[in-house]
Amino acid sequence: INRTYRWPSVVMEELQSEISPVSELIGIPLRVAKVTPYRQLKERSEFQNQMATYLMIEPVSGLAPPEWQDYVGPVAVWRASLDPFSLDDMGIVHEFICHLIDKYTEEEGVDVARDITPAAFQKFKERCLECERSGLRKTERSEE
């Protein structure tokens, strides 16, 4: 279940976390920490967390380290600066990374210096917000 929670900064600072490499390059360094689930997880599918895996991809390869690929479970994500960061914000970052994942499989691939920058992210975000205002669905947006 994806939710926006406001945890005390003292709690966030004590969690063992890592900086998301792509988020750092786009100018919004996000810390990601695996957290204890609120209920016991039994099925392998309950441990899958694509959003967390994508946050942890290496910019050059598009692959996450092994510890972020399988049995990830629930995570907490927050700005390293402790500034507010909502589920809506996370949604745009996730869509940007999904866009990058698609580019890794294309012939041209991803040029980190061109494709994973604050300017590239802002341009993507503006397109997303414009599509939302005009009522385009995600599939229509990706065809632009």
N, C-alpha and C. Protein backbone atom coordinates (compact mmCIF):
# COMPACT_ATOMS: atom_id res chain seq x y z
N ILE A 1 0.86 -1.17 0.00
CA ILE A 1 0.00 0.00 0.00
C ILE A 1 0.90 1.23 0.00
N ASN A 2 0.68 2.10 -0.95
CA ASN A 2 1.46 3.33 -1.03
C ASN A 2 0.71 4.44 -0.32
N ARG A 3 1.39 5.09 0.60
CA ARG A 3 0.79 6.18 1.36
C ARG A 3 1.83 7.25 1.63
N THR A 4 1.34 8.46 1.89
CA THR A 4 2.22 9.54 2.32
C THR A 4 2.12 9.63 3.84
N TYR A 5 3.23 9.41 4.51
CA TYR A 5 3.31 9.55 5.95
C TYR A 5 4.31 10.65 6.27
N ARG A 6 4.12 11.32 7.35
CA ARG A 6 5.08 12.30 7.85
C ARG A 6 5.71 11.71 9.10
N TRP A 7 6.93 11.22 8.96
CA TRP A 7 7.63 10.64 10.09
C TRP A 7 8.53 11.70 10.70
N PRO A 8 8.73 11.67 12.00
CA PRO A 8 9.65 12.63 12.63
C PRO A 8 11.06 12.49 12.04
N SER A 9 11.72 13.62 11.85
CA SER A 9 13.05 13.59 11.24
C SER A 9 14.03 12.76 12.04
N VAL A 10 13.88 12.72 13.36
CA VAL A 10 14.79 11.92 14.18
C VAL A 10 14.66 10.44 13.84
N VAL A 11 13.46 10.00 13.50
CA VAL A 11 13.25 8.60 13.10
C VAL A 11 13.91 8.35 11.75
N MET A 12 13.71 9.27 10.82
CA MET A 12 14.28 9.09 9.47
C MET A 12 15.80 9.06 9.52
N GLU A 13 16.38 9.91 10.33
CA GLU A 13 17.84 9.99 10.42
C GLU A 13 18.44 8.73 11.00
N GLU A 14 17.66 7.97 11.79
CA GLU A 14 18.18 6.74 12.41
C GLU A 14 18.04 5.52 11.51
N LEU A 15 17.22 5.61 10.48
CA LEU A 15 17.05 4.46 9.58
C LEU A 15 18.29 4.26 8.72
N GLN A 16 18.66 3.00 8.53
CA GLN A 16 19.76 2.69 7.61
C GLN A 16 19.21 2.84 6.20
N SER A 17 19.77 3.80 5.45
CA SER A 17 19.21 4.11 4.14
C SER A 17 20.32 4.34 3.13
N GLU A 18 19.90 4.41 1.87
CA GLU A 18 20.81 4.70 0.77
C GLU A 18 20.19 5.80 -0.08
N ILE A 19 21.05 6.56 -0.74
CA ILE A 19 20.57 7.59 -1.67
C ILE A 19 20.25 6.92 -3.01
N SER A 20 19.11 7.25 -3.57
CA SER A 20 18.74 6.79 -4.91
C SER A 20 19.65 7.48 -5.93
N PRO A 21 20.42 6.72 -6.71
CA PRO A 21 21.36 7.34 -7.65
C PRO A 21 20.71 8.26 -8.68
N VAL A 22 19.59 7.84 -9.28
CA VAL A 22 18.93 8.67 -10.29
C VAL A 22 18.37 9.93 -9.64
N SER A 23 17.76 9.80 -8.47
CA SER A 23 17.18 10.97 -7.82
C SER A 23 18.25 12.01 -7.51
N GLU A 24 19.43 11.55 -7.16
CA GLU A 24 20.51 12.49 -6.88
C GLU A 24 20.90 13.26 -8.14
N LEU A 25 20.96 12.55 -9.28
CA LEU A 25 21.34 13.20 -10.53
C LEU A 25 20.28 14.18 -11.04
N ILE A 26 19.01 13.96 -10.69
CA ILE A 26 17.97 14.89 -11.14
C ILE A 26 17.75 16.03 -10.16
N GLY A 27 18.56 16.07 -9.11
CA GLY A 27 18.51 17.19 -8.18
C GLY A 27 17.55 17.05 -7.03
N ILE A 28 17.01 15.84 -6.82
CA ILE A 28 16.10 15.60 -5.70
C ILE A 28 16.61 14.36 -4.96
N PRO A 29 17.72 14.48 -4.25
CA PRO A 29 18.26 13.29 -3.58
C PRO A 29 17.24 12.68 -2.62
N LEU A 30 16.94 11.42 -2.87
CA LEU A 30 15.98 10.69 -2.04
C LEU A 30 16.69 9.58 -1.30
N ARG A 31 16.37 9.46 -0.03
CA ARG A 31 16.89 8.35 0.77
C ARG A 31 15.85 7.25 0.73
N VAL A 32 16.32 6.01 0.65
CA VAL A 32 15.44 4.85 0.59
C VAL A 32 15.89 3.88 1.68
N ALA A 33 14.95 3.45 2.51
CA ALA A 33 15.26 2.52 3.59
C ALA A 33 14.25 1.39 3.61
N LYS A 34 14.73 0.18 3.70
CA LYS A 34 13.83 -0.95 3.91
C LYS A 34 13.32 -0.86 5.34
N VAL A 35 12.01 -1.07 5.51
CA VAL A 35 11.40 -0.97 6.83
C VAL A 35 10.63 -2.24 7.16
N THR A 36 10.38 -2.43 8.42
CA THR A 36 9.63 -3.60 8.88
C THR A 36 8.18 -3.46 8.42
N PRO A 37 7.64 -4.52 7.81
CA PRO A 37 6.24 -4.45 7.37
C PRO A 37 5.30 -4.37 8.58
N TYR A 38 4.13 -3.77 8.36
CA TYR A 38 3.16 -3.65 9.44
C TYR A 38 2.43 -4.97 9.70
N ARG A 39 2.59 -5.91 8.76
CA ARG A 39 2.04 -7.26 8.94
C ARG A 39 3.03 -8.26 8.37
N GLN A 40 2.89 -9.52 8.74
CA GLN A 40 3.81 -10.55 8.25
C GLN A 40 3.58 -10.78 6.75
N LEU A 41 4.67 -10.75 5.99
CA LEU A 41 4.60 -11.03 4.56
C LEU A 41 4.95 -12.49 4.35
N LYS A 42 4.12 -13.18 3.55
CA LYS A 42 4.32 -14.63 3.37
C LYS A 42 4.68 -14.98 1.94
N GLU A 43 3.96 -14.40 1.01
CA GLU A 43 4.16 -14.74 -0.40
C GLU A 43 5.29 -13.90 -1.00
N ARG A 44 6.02 -14.50 -1.92
CA ARG A 44 7.11 -13.78 -2.58
C ARG A 44 6.62 -12.48 -3.20
N SER A 45 5.43 -12.52 -3.79
CA SER A 45 4.90 -11.33 -4.45
C SER A 45 4.69 -10.17 -3.48
N GLU A 46 4.48 -10.47 -2.20
CA GLU A 46 4.30 -9.41 -1.21
C GLU A 46 5.59 -8.65 -0.94
N PHE A 47 6.72 -9.26 -1.26
CA PHE A 47 8.02 -8.63 -1.05
C PHE A 47 8.47 -7.81 -2.25
N GLN A 48 7.79 -7.98 -3.39
CA GLN A 48 8.19 -7.25 -4.60
C GLN A 48 7.86 -5.77 -4.44
N ASN A 49 8.78 -4.94 -4.86
CA ASN A 49 8.57 -3.50 -4.73
C ASN A 49 9.28 -2.82 -5.90
N GLN A 50 8.59 -2.81 -7.04
CA GLN A 50 9.17 -2.26 -8.26
C GLN A 50 9.59 -0.81 -8.08
N MET A 51 8.79 -0.03 -7.37
CA MET A 51 9.12 1.38 -7.20
C MET A 51 10.47 1.53 -6.50
N ALA A 52 10.69 0.76 -5.45
CA ALA A 52 11.96 0.82 -4.73
C ALA A 52 13.10 0.31 -5.61
N THR A 53 12.87 -0.77 -6.33
CA THR A 53 13.90 -1.30 -7.22
C THR A 53 14.30 -0.25 -8.24
N TYR A 54 13.31 0.40 -8.86
CA TYR A 54 13.61 1.42 -9.86
C TYR A 54 14.36 2.61 -9.26
N LEU A 55 14.02 2.99 -8.03
CA LEU A 55 14.74 4.09 -7.39
C LEU A 55 16.23 3.79 -7.25
N MET A 56 16.55 2.52 -7.13
CA MET A 56 17.93 2.15 -6.84
C MET A 56 18.73 1.73 -8.07
N ILE A 57 18.19 1.94 -9.29
CA ILE A 57 18.96 1.56 -10.48
C ILE A 57 20.22 2.41 -10.60
N GLU A 58 21.23 1.79 -11.17
CA GLU A 58 22.47 2.50 -11.47
C GLU A 58 22.25 3.26 -12.78
N PRO A 59 22.57 4.54 -12.82
CA PRO A 59 22.28 5.35 -14.01
C PRO A 59 22.92 4.85 -15.30
N VAL A 60 24.10 4.29 -15.25
CA VAL A 60 24.77 3.85 -16.47
C VAL A 60 24.15 2.58 -17.03
N SER A 61 23.83 1.62 -16.18
CA SER A 61 23.35 0.32 -16.65
C SER A 61 21.83 0.19 -16.67
N GLY A 62 21.14 0.93 -15.80
CA GLY A 62 19.70 0.77 -15.67
C GLY A 62 19.31 -0.41 -14.82
N LEU A 63 20.29 -1.01 -14.14
CA LEU A 63 20.03 -2.17 -13.29
C LEU A 63 20.25 -1.81 -11.82
N ALA A 64 19.42 -2.37 -10.97
CA ALA A 64 19.57 -2.17 -9.53
C ALA A 64 20.53 -3.22 -8.98
N PRO A 65 21.23 -2.89 -7.90
CA PRO A 65 22.07 -3.90 -7.24
C PRO A 65 21.21 -5.08 -6.79
N PRO A 66 21.79 -6.27 -6.67
CA PRO A 66 21.01 -7.47 -6.32
C PRO A 66 20.12 -7.31 -5.09
N GLU A 67 20.60 -6.63 -4.06
CA GLU A 67 19.82 -6.50 -2.83
C GLU A 67 18.57 -5.64 -3.01
N TRP A 68 18.46 -4.95 -4.15
CA TRP A 68 17.28 -4.14 -4.44
C TRP A 68 16.43 -4.75 -5.56
N GLN A 69 16.77 -5.94 -6.01
CA GLN A 69 16.02 -6.55 -7.10
C GLN A 69 14.93 -7.51 -6.65
N ASP A 70 15.14 -8.18 -5.54
CA ASP A 70 14.20 -9.22 -5.13
C ASP A 70 14.04 -9.19 -3.61
N TYR A 71 12.86 -9.54 -3.16
CA TYR A 71 12.56 -9.56 -1.73
C TYR A 71 12.89 -8.22 -1.06
N VAL A 72 12.48 -7.15 -1.69
CA VAL A 72 12.76 -5.81 -1.16
C VAL A 72 11.82 -5.50 0.01
N GLY A 73 10.55 -5.74 -0.17
CA GLY A 73 9.58 -5.43 0.88
C GLY A 73 9.28 -3.94 0.96
N PRO A 74 8.63 -3.53 2.04
CA PRO A 74 8.24 -2.13 2.17
C PRO A 74 9.46 -1.23 2.40
N VAL A 75 9.33 -0.01 1.94
CA VAL A 75 10.41 0.97 2.12
C VAL A 75 9.82 2.31 2.56
N ALA A 76 10.67 3.11 3.13
CA ALA A 76 10.36 4.52 3.38
C ALA A 76 11.24 5.31 2.43
N VAL A 77 10.66 6.34 1.81
CA VAL A 77 11.39 7.20 0.89
C VAL A 77 11.19 8.64 1.35
N TRP A 78 12.29 9.38 1.43
CA TRP A 78 12.18 10.77 1.84
C TRP A 78 13.32 11.58 1.23
N ARG A 79 13.11 12.88 1.15
CA ARG A 79 14.16 13.75 0.65
C ARG A 79 15.31 13.77 1.65
N ALA A 80 16.52 13.68 1.14
CA ALA A 80 17.68 13.73 2.02
C ALA A 80 17.71 15.02 2.83
N SER A 81 17.15 16.09 2.26
CA SER A 81 17.09 17.39 2.95
C SER A 81 15.99 17.44 4.01
N LEU A 82 15.16 16.40 4.05
CA LEU A 82 13.99 16.32 4.92
C LEU A 82 12.88 17.28 4.53
N ASP A 83 12.98 17.91 3.35
CA ASP A 83 11.89 18.73 2.83
C ASP A 83 10.71 17.82 2.52
N PRO A 84 9.50 18.37 2.46
CA PRO A 84 8.32 17.54 2.15
C PRO A 84 8.47 16.80 0.82
N PHE A 85 7.94 15.59 0.79
CA PHE A 85 7.96 14.74 -0.40
C PHE A 85 6.73 13.84 -0.32
N SER A 86 5.77 14.07 -1.22
CA SER A 86 4.48 13.36 -1.15
C SER A 86 4.46 12.15 -2.08
N LEU A 87 3.40 11.39 -1.97
CA LEU A 87 3.20 10.26 -2.87
C LEU A 87 3.04 10.75 -4.31
N ASP A 88 2.43 11.91 -4.50
CA ASP A 88 2.33 12.49 -5.85
C ASP A 88 3.72 12.81 -6.41
N ASP A 89 4.59 13.37 -5.56
CA ASP A 89 5.97 13.64 -5.99
C ASP A 89 6.66 12.34 -6.38
N MET A 90 6.46 11.31 -5.56
CA MET A 90 7.07 10.01 -5.84
C MET A 90 6.55 9.45 -7.15
N GLY A 91 5.28 9.68 -7.43
CA GLY A 91 4.69 9.20 -8.68
C GLY A 91 5.37 9.79 -9.90
N ILE A 92 5.69 11.07 -9.85
CA ILE A 92 6.36 11.70 -10.99
C ILE A 92 7.79 11.20 -11.13
N VAL A 93 8.50 11.05 -10.01
CA VAL A 93 9.86 10.51 -10.07
C VAL A 93 9.82 9.08 -10.63
N HIS A 94 8.86 8.29 -10.16
CA HIS A 94 8.73 6.90 -10.65
C HIS A 94 8.44 6.87 -12.15
N GLU A 95 7.53 7.73 -12.61
CA GLU A 95 7.24 7.78 -14.05
C GLU A 95 8.48 8.16 -14.85
N PHE A 96 9.27 9.09 -14.33
CA PHE A 96 10.50 9.49 -15.00
C PHE A 96 11.45 8.29 -15.11
N ILE A 97 11.59 7.55 -14.02
CA ILE A 97 12.48 6.38 -14.05
C ILE A 97 11.93 5.32 -14.99
N CYS A 98 10.62 5.11 -15.01
CA CYS A 98 10.02 4.16 -15.96
C CYS A 98 10.34 4.57 -17.40
N HIS A 99 10.26 5.86 -17.66
CA HIS A 99 10.61 6.40 -18.98
C HIS A 99 12.07 6.07 -19.31
N LEU A 100 12.96 6.22 -18.33
CA LEU A 100 14.37 5.88 -18.53
C LEU A 100 14.55 4.38 -18.79
N ILE A 101 13.85 3.56 -18.01
CA ILE A 101 13.95 2.09 -18.17
C ILE A 101 13.63 1.72 -19.61
N ASP A 102 12.60 2.33 -20.17
CA ASP A 102 12.25 2.06 -21.56
C ASP A 102 13.39 2.46 -22.49
N LYS A 103 14.04 3.59 -22.20
CA LYS A 103 15.13 4.07 -23.06
C LYS A 103 16.36 3.16 -23.02
N TYR A 104 16.60 2.49 -21.89
CA TYR A 104 17.77 1.60 -21.80
C TYR A 104 17.68 0.48 -22.83
N THR A 105 16.46 0.09 -23.20
CA THR A 105 16.29 -1.01 -24.16
C THR A 105 16.31 -0.54 -25.61
N GLU A 106 16.26 0.77 -25.82
CA GLU A 106 16.29 1.30 -27.18
C GLU A 106 17.72 1.37 -27.70
N GLU A 107 17.86 1.44 -29.01
CA GLU A 107 19.18 1.46 -29.63
C GLU A 107 20.05 2.62 -29.13
N GLU A 108 19.45 3.79 -29.02
CA GLU A 108 20.19 4.97 -28.57
C GLU A 108 20.60 4.85 -27.10
N GLY A 109 19.77 4.17 -26.30
CA GLY A 109 20.07 4.01 -24.89
C GLY A 109 19.93 5.29 -24.10
N VAL A 110 20.54 5.30 -22.92
CA VAL A 110 20.48 6.45 -22.03
C VAL A 110 21.85 7.10 -21.97
N ASP A 111 21.87 8.37 -22.21
CA ASP A 111 23.07 9.18 -22.05
C ASP A 111 22.89 9.91 -20.73
N VAL A 112 23.61 9.48 -19.70
CA VAL A 112 23.41 10.02 -18.35
C VAL A 112 23.54 11.55 -18.34
N ALA A 113 24.53 12.07 -19.02
CA ALA A 113 24.76 13.52 -19.03
C ALA A 113 23.63 14.28 -19.71
N ARG A 114 22.89 13.63 -20.58
CA ARG A 114 21.79 14.29 -21.29
C ARG A 114 20.42 13.95 -20.68
N ASP A 115 20.24 12.68 -20.32
CA ASP A 115 18.92 12.18 -19.97
C ASP A 115 18.60 12.18 -18.47
N ILE A 116 19.62 12.23 -17.62
CA ILE A 116 19.38 12.15 -16.17
C ILE A 116 19.97 13.40 -15.52
N THR A 117 19.28 14.50 -15.74
CA THR A 117 19.71 15.80 -15.22
C THR A 117 18.51 16.51 -14.61
N PRO A 118 18.75 17.53 -13.80
CA PRO A 118 17.61 18.30 -13.30
C PRO A 118 16.76 18.88 -14.43
N ALA A 119 17.40 19.36 -15.49
CA ALA A 119 16.65 19.95 -16.61
C ALA A 119 15.80 18.89 -17.32
N ALA A 120 16.36 17.70 -17.54
CA ALA A 120 15.61 16.63 -18.20
C ALA A 120 14.41 16.22 -17.34
N PHE A 121 14.61 16.14 -16.03
CA PHE A 121 13.51 15.79 -15.14
C PHE A 121 12.43 16.86 -15.15
N GLN A 122 12.83 18.13 -15.08
CA GLN A 122 11.84 19.22 -15.08
C GLN A 122 11.03 19.23 -16.37
N LYS A 123 11.70 19.00 -17.50
CA LYS A 123 10.99 18.94 -18.78
C LYS A 123 9.97 17.79 -18.78
N PHE A 124 10.38 16.63 -18.28
CA PHE A 124 9.49 15.47 -18.19
C PHE A 124 8.31 15.80 -17.26
N LYS A 125 8.61 16.39 -16.12
CA LYS A 125 7.56 16.73 -15.15
C LYS A 125 6.56 17.71 -15.75
N GLU A 126 7.05 18.72 -16.46
CA GLU A 126 6.15 19.69 -17.10
C GLU A 126 5.25 19.01 -18.12
N ARG A 127 5.81 18.08 -18.91
CA ARG A 127 4.98 17.33 -19.88
C ARG A 127 3.93 16.51 -19.16
N CYS A 128 4.31 15.86 -18.07
CA CYS A 128 3.35 15.06 -17.30
C CYS A 128 2.21 15.92 -16.77
N LEU A 129 2.56 17.04 -16.19
CA LEU A 129 1.54 17.92 -15.63
C LEU A 129 0.64 18.51 -16.71
N GLU A 130 1.22 18.85 -17.86
CA GLU A 130 0.43 19.36 -18.98
C GLU A 130 -0.53 18.29 -19.49
N CYS A 131 -0.06 17.06 -19.56
CA CYS A 131 -0.93 15.96 -20.00
C CYS A 131 -2.08 15.76 -19.02
N GLU A 132 -1.79 15.86 -17.73
CA GLU A 132 -2.85 15.73 -16.73
C GLU A 132 -3.88 16.84 -16.88
N ARG A 133 -3.41 18.07 -17.10
CA ARG A 133 -4.34 19.19 -17.27
C ARG A 133 -5.20 19.02 -18.51
N SER A 134 -4.62 18.45 -19.57
CA SER A 134 -5.38 18.29 -20.81
C SER A 134 -6.17 16.99 -20.85
N GLY A 135 -6.02 16.17 -19.81
CA GLY A 135 -6.82 14.95 -19.71
C GLY A 135 -6.29 13.76 -20.47
N LEU A 136 -5.03 13.79 -20.92
CA LEU A 136 -4.46 12.64 -21.62
C LEU A 136 -4.15 11.52 -20.64
N ARG A 137 -4.39 10.32 -21.08
CA ARG A 137 -4.04 9.16 -20.27
C ARG A 137 -2.55 8.89 -20.40
N LYS A 138 -2.02 8.07 -19.48
CA LYS A 138 -0.59 7.75 -19.47
C LYS A 138 -0.13 7.16 -20.79
N THR A 139 -0.92 6.27 -21.40
CA THR A 139 -0.51 5.65 -22.66
C THR A 139 -0.42 6.68 -23.77
N GLU A 140 -1.34 7.65 -23.76
CA GLU A 140 -1.28 8.71 -24.78
C GLU A 140 -0.08 9.61 -24.55
N ARG A 141 0.25 9.83 -23.28
CA ARG A 141 1.37 10.70 -22.91
C ARG A 141 2.68 10.09 -23.40
N SER A 142 2.82 8.76 -23.24
CA SER A 142 4.09 8.13 -23.59
C SER A 142 4.33 8.10 -25.09
N GLU A 143 3.29 8.32 -25.88
CA GLU A 143 3.45 8.31 -27.33
C GLU A 143 3.94 9.64 -27.87
N GLU A 144 4.02 10.65 -27.04
CA GLU A 144 4.45 11.99 -27.52
C GLU A 144 5.92 11.96 -27.87
